[in-house]
């Protein structure tokens, strides 16, 4: 499932802002939020803010 609900975070691989960086230390990136991470960006957003990603946009 690629959308959010009260129990589930967005699935970054289905988001148009998600990209693979090809950098070993930070393989995942989010263009909307402007960061790279070793973890899934939606997980990083939730762990830092306590809310699910609000910028999820499904790929067309």
C-alpha atoms as a PDB file:
ATOM      1  CA  UNK A   1       0.000   0.000   0.000  1.00  0.00           C
ATOM      2  CA  UNK A   2       1.419   3.385  -0.919  1.00  0.00           C
ATOM      3  CA  UNK A   3      -0.793   5.780   1.017  1.00  0.00           C
ATOM      4  CA  UNK A   4      -0.841   6.697   4.665  1.00  0.00           C
ATOM      5  CA  UNK A   5      -3.395   5.973   7.278  1.00  0.00           C
ATOM      6  CA  UNK A   6      -3.291   6.210  11.063  1.00  0.00           C
ATOM      7  CA  UNK A   7      -1.280   2.991  11.380  1.00  0.00           C
ATOM      8  CA  UNK A   8       1.068   3.030   8.376  1.00  0.00           C
ATOM      9  CA  UNK A   9       3.774   5.314   7.008  1.00  0.00           C
ATOM     10  CA  UNK A  10       4.055   6.110   3.299  1.00  0.00           C
ATOM     11  CA  UNK A  11       6.049   3.728   1.141  1.00  0.00           C
ATOM     12  CA  UNK A  12       8.919   5.826  -0.237  1.00  0.00           C
ATOM     13  CA  UNK A  13       9.562   3.559  -3.215  1.00  0.00           C
ATOM     14  CA  UNK A  14       6.149   4.625  -4.574  1.00  0.00           C
ATOM     15  CA  UNK A  15       6.782   8.352  -4.037  1.00  0.00           C
ATOM     16  CA  UNK A  16       7.893  10.687  -6.831  1.00  0.00           C
ATOM     17  CA  UNK A  17      10.309  12.499  -4.462  1.00  0.00           C
ATOM     18  CA  UNK A  18      12.258   9.362  -3.511  1.00  0.00           C
ATOM     19  CA  UNK A  19      15.529   8.532  -5.248  1.00  0.00           C
ATOM     20  CA  UNK A  20      18.534   6.235  -4.927  1.00  0.00           C
ATOM     21  CA  UNK A  21      21.741   8.227  -4.394  1.00  0.00           C
ATOM     22  CA  UNK A  22      24.265   5.480  -5.252  1.00  0.00           C
ATOM     23  CA  UNK A  23      26.334   6.671  -2.276  1.00  0.00           C
ATOM     24  CA  UNK A  24      27.266   3.824   0.028  1.00  0.00           C
ATOM     25  CA  UNK A  25      26.804   5.749   3.301  1.00  0.00           C
ATOM     26  CA  UNK A  26      23.510   7.412   2.307  1.00  0.00           C
ATOM     27  CA  UNK A  27      21.754   5.316  -0.344  1.00  0.00           C
ATOM     28  CA  UNK A  28      18.254   6.853  -0.027  1.00  0.00           C
ATOM     29  CA  UNK A  29      17.182  10.420  -0.727  1.00  0.00           C
ATOM     30  CA  UNK A  30      14.111  12.629  -0.624  1.00  0.00           C
ATOM     31  CA  UNK A  31      13.982  15.515  -3.088  1.00  0.00           C
ATOM     32  CA  UNK A  32      10.988  17.137  -1.363  1.00  0.00           C
ATOM     33  CA  UNK A  33      12.735  17.405   1.993  1.00  0.00           C
ATOM     34  CA  UNK A  34      16.232  17.752   0.597  1.00  0.00           C
ATOM     35  CA  UNK A  35      18.124  15.089   2.500  1.00  0.00           C
ATOM     36  CA  UNK A  36      19.905  11.768   2.049  1.00  0.00           C
ATOM     37  CA  UNK A  37      19.889   8.975   4.596  1.00  0.00           C
ATOM     38  CA  UNK A  38      21.058   5.483   5.373  1.00  0.00           C
ATOM     39  CA  UNK A  39      17.434   4.637   6.272  1.00  0.00           C
ATOM     40  CA  UNK A  40      14.146   4.935   4.445  1.00  0.00           C
ATOM     41  CA  UNK A  41      13.302   8.685   4.403  1.00  0.00           C
ATOM     42  CA  UNK A  42       9.760   8.155   5.743  1.00  0.00           C
ATOM     43  CA  UNK A  43      11.204   6.318   8.733  1.00  0.00           C
ATOM     44  CA  UNK A  44      13.675   9.145   9.392  1.00  0.00           C
ATOM     45  CA  UNK A  45      10.891  11.742   9.189  1.00  0.00           C
ATOM     46  CA  UNK A  46       8.706   9.797  11.624  1.00  0.00           C
ATOM     47  CA  UNK A  47      11.512   9.144  14.105  1.00  0.00           C
ATOM     48  CA  UNK A  48      12.493  12.836  14.152  1.00  0.00           C
ATOM     49  CA  UNK A  49       9.067  14.488  14.127  1.00  0.00           C
ATOM     50  CA  UNK A  50       6.643  11.862  15.406  1.00  0.00           C
ATOM     51  CA  UNK A  51       4.364  12.379  12.390  1.00  0.00           C
ATOM     52  CA  UNK A  52       4.191  10.574   9.076  1.00  0.00           C
ATOM     53  CA  UNK A  53       5.606  12.224   5.961  1.00  0.00           C
ATOM     54  CA  UNK A  54       3.242  14.934   4.734  1.00  0.00           C
ATOM     55  CA  UNK A  55       4.929  15.335   1.328  1.00  0.00           C
ATOM     56  CA  UNK A  56       4.209  11.871  -0.086  1.00  0.00           C
ATOM     57  CA  UNK A  57       3.159  12.122  -3.730  1.00  0.00           C
ATOM     58  CA  UNK A  58       2.480   8.904  -5.655  1.00  0.00           C
ATOM     59  CA  UNK A  59       4.378   8.267  -8.879  1.00  0.00           C
ATOM     60  CA  UNK A  60       2.272   8.643 -11.983  1.00  0.00           C
END
